[in-house]
Amino acid sequence: MRSKSKYAGPWADPAEPLFSIKTGEWRYQRPVTKAGKCCQCGTCYLFCSTGCISDRGTYFAADLDYCKGCGLCARQCPVGAIMMVREEM
């Protein structure tokens, strides 16, 4: 089976966007943004490995449907506006 893209494997459907697979179920912790503390520098957006951080107008926050809970955004935030909290089961 040949893929239409050199980056897609036989499991991928080229017609669907990459974010069609919801990876949020994999995590054991999730990022919580303190909106009042966010300085909107965009560092979390740049370091997010899944690209699920978006600008919400006055702060940045992760889309929890796609966030894997790696914690890179929280570690890279220069003002400590993002904390990782244990995911409730």
Protein backbone atom coordinates (compact mmCIF):
# COMPACT_ATOMS: atom_id res chain seq x y z
CA MET A 1 0.00 0.00 0.00
CA ARG A 2 1.44 3.35 -1.02
CA SER A 3 0.83 6.50 0.92
CA LYS A 4 -0.03 9.75 -0.84
CA SER A 5 2.35 11.66 1.41
CA LYS A 6 5.90 10.74 2.31
CA TYR A 7 5.02 11.54 5.96
CA ALA A 8 1.86 9.42 6.21
CA GLY A 9 1.83 5.71 6.90
CA PRO A 10 -0.75 3.14 5.89
CA TRP A 11 -2.75 3.97 9.07
CA ALA A 12 -3.34 7.59 8.09
CA ASP A 13 -6.17 8.89 5.97
CA PRO A 14 -4.80 11.82 3.93
CA ALA A 15 -8.29 13.36 3.73
CA GLU A 16 -8.47 13.83 7.52
CA PRO A 17 -6.45 16.52 9.32
CA LEU A 18 -3.68 15.45 11.69
CA PHE A 19 -5.73 16.59 14.67
CA SER A 20 -8.50 14.09 13.97
CA ILE A 21 -6.98 11.67 16.51
CA LYS A 22 -7.93 12.85 19.98
CA THR A 23 -4.95 12.08 22.20
CA GLY A 24 -6.30 13.69 25.37
CA GLU A 25 -7.33 10.31 26.78
CA TRP A 26 -3.67 9.28 27.12
CA ARG A 27 -2.63 11.76 29.77
CA TYR A 28 -2.48 11.41 33.55
CA GLN A 29 -1.99 15.15 34.15
CA ARG A 30 -3.35 18.25 32.42
CA PRO A 31 -2.27 21.88 32.14
CA VAL A 32 -4.34 24.57 33.84
CA THR A 33 -3.63 28.18 32.87
CA LYS A 34 -4.03 30.98 35.40
CA ALA A 35 -5.54 33.53 33.02
CA GLY A 36 -4.69 36.54 35.17
CA LYS A 37 -1.03 35.54 35.42
CA CYS A 38 -0.48 34.81 31.70
CA CYS A 39 1.67 37.48 30.01
CA GLN A 40 0.76 36.25 26.48
CA CYS A 41 4.38 35.70 25.48
CA GLY A 42 3.50 32.60 23.41
CA THR A 43 6.34 30.47 24.79
CA CYS A 44 3.93 27.65 25.64
CA TYR A 45 2.57 27.81 22.08
CA LEU A 46 6.06 27.50 20.63
CA PHE A 47 7.12 24.57 22.82
CA CYS A 48 3.90 22.52 22.64
CA SER A 49 4.82 19.22 21.00
CA THR A 50 1.26 18.50 19.82
CA GLY A 51 0.37 22.03 18.77
CA CYS A 52 -2.75 22.13 20.92
CA ILE A 53 -2.10 25.51 22.59
CA SER A 54 -4.21 28.39 21.29
CA ASP A 55 -4.66 32.08 22.01
CA ARG A 56 -7.88 32.69 23.94
CA GLY A 57 -7.72 36.48 23.67
CA THR A 58 -6.20 37.40 27.04
CA TYR A 59 -4.30 34.17 27.73
CA PHE A 60 -3.05 30.95 26.10
CA ALA A 61 -4.62 27.58 26.95
CA ALA A 62 -4.42 23.97 25.78
CA ASP A 63 -7.17 22.14 23.94
CA LEU A 64 -7.62 19.19 26.30
CA ASP A 65 -8.98 16.94 23.54
CA TYR A 66 -5.49 16.82 22.03
CA CYS A 67 -3.15 17.58 24.98
CA LYS A 68 -1.02 14.58 26.00
CA GLY A 69 -0.05 16.09 29.35
CA CYS A 70 3.70 16.17 28.75
CA GLY A 71 4.13 19.38 30.80
CA LEU A 72 6.46 21.18 28.40
CA CYS A 73 4.21 24.23 28.41
CA ALA A 74 4.30 24.46 32.20
CA ARG A 75 8.08 23.99 32.39
CA GLN A 76 8.75 26.64 29.74
CA CYS A 77 6.30 29.30 30.99
CA PRO A 78 8.49 32.21 32.18
CA VAL A 79 5.91 33.54 34.66
CA GLY A 80 4.59 30.20 35.97
CA ALA A 81 1.06 30.76 34.70
CA ILE A 82 0.59 27.09 33.78
CA MET A 83 0.38 24.34 36.38
CA MET A 84 0.05 20.62 35.82
CA VAL A 85 -2.70 18.95 37.84
CA ARG A 86 -3.44 15.25 38.17
CA GLU A 87 -6.17 14.06 35.83
CA GLU A 88 -9.27 12.88 37.67
CA MET A 89 -10.33 9.39 36.66
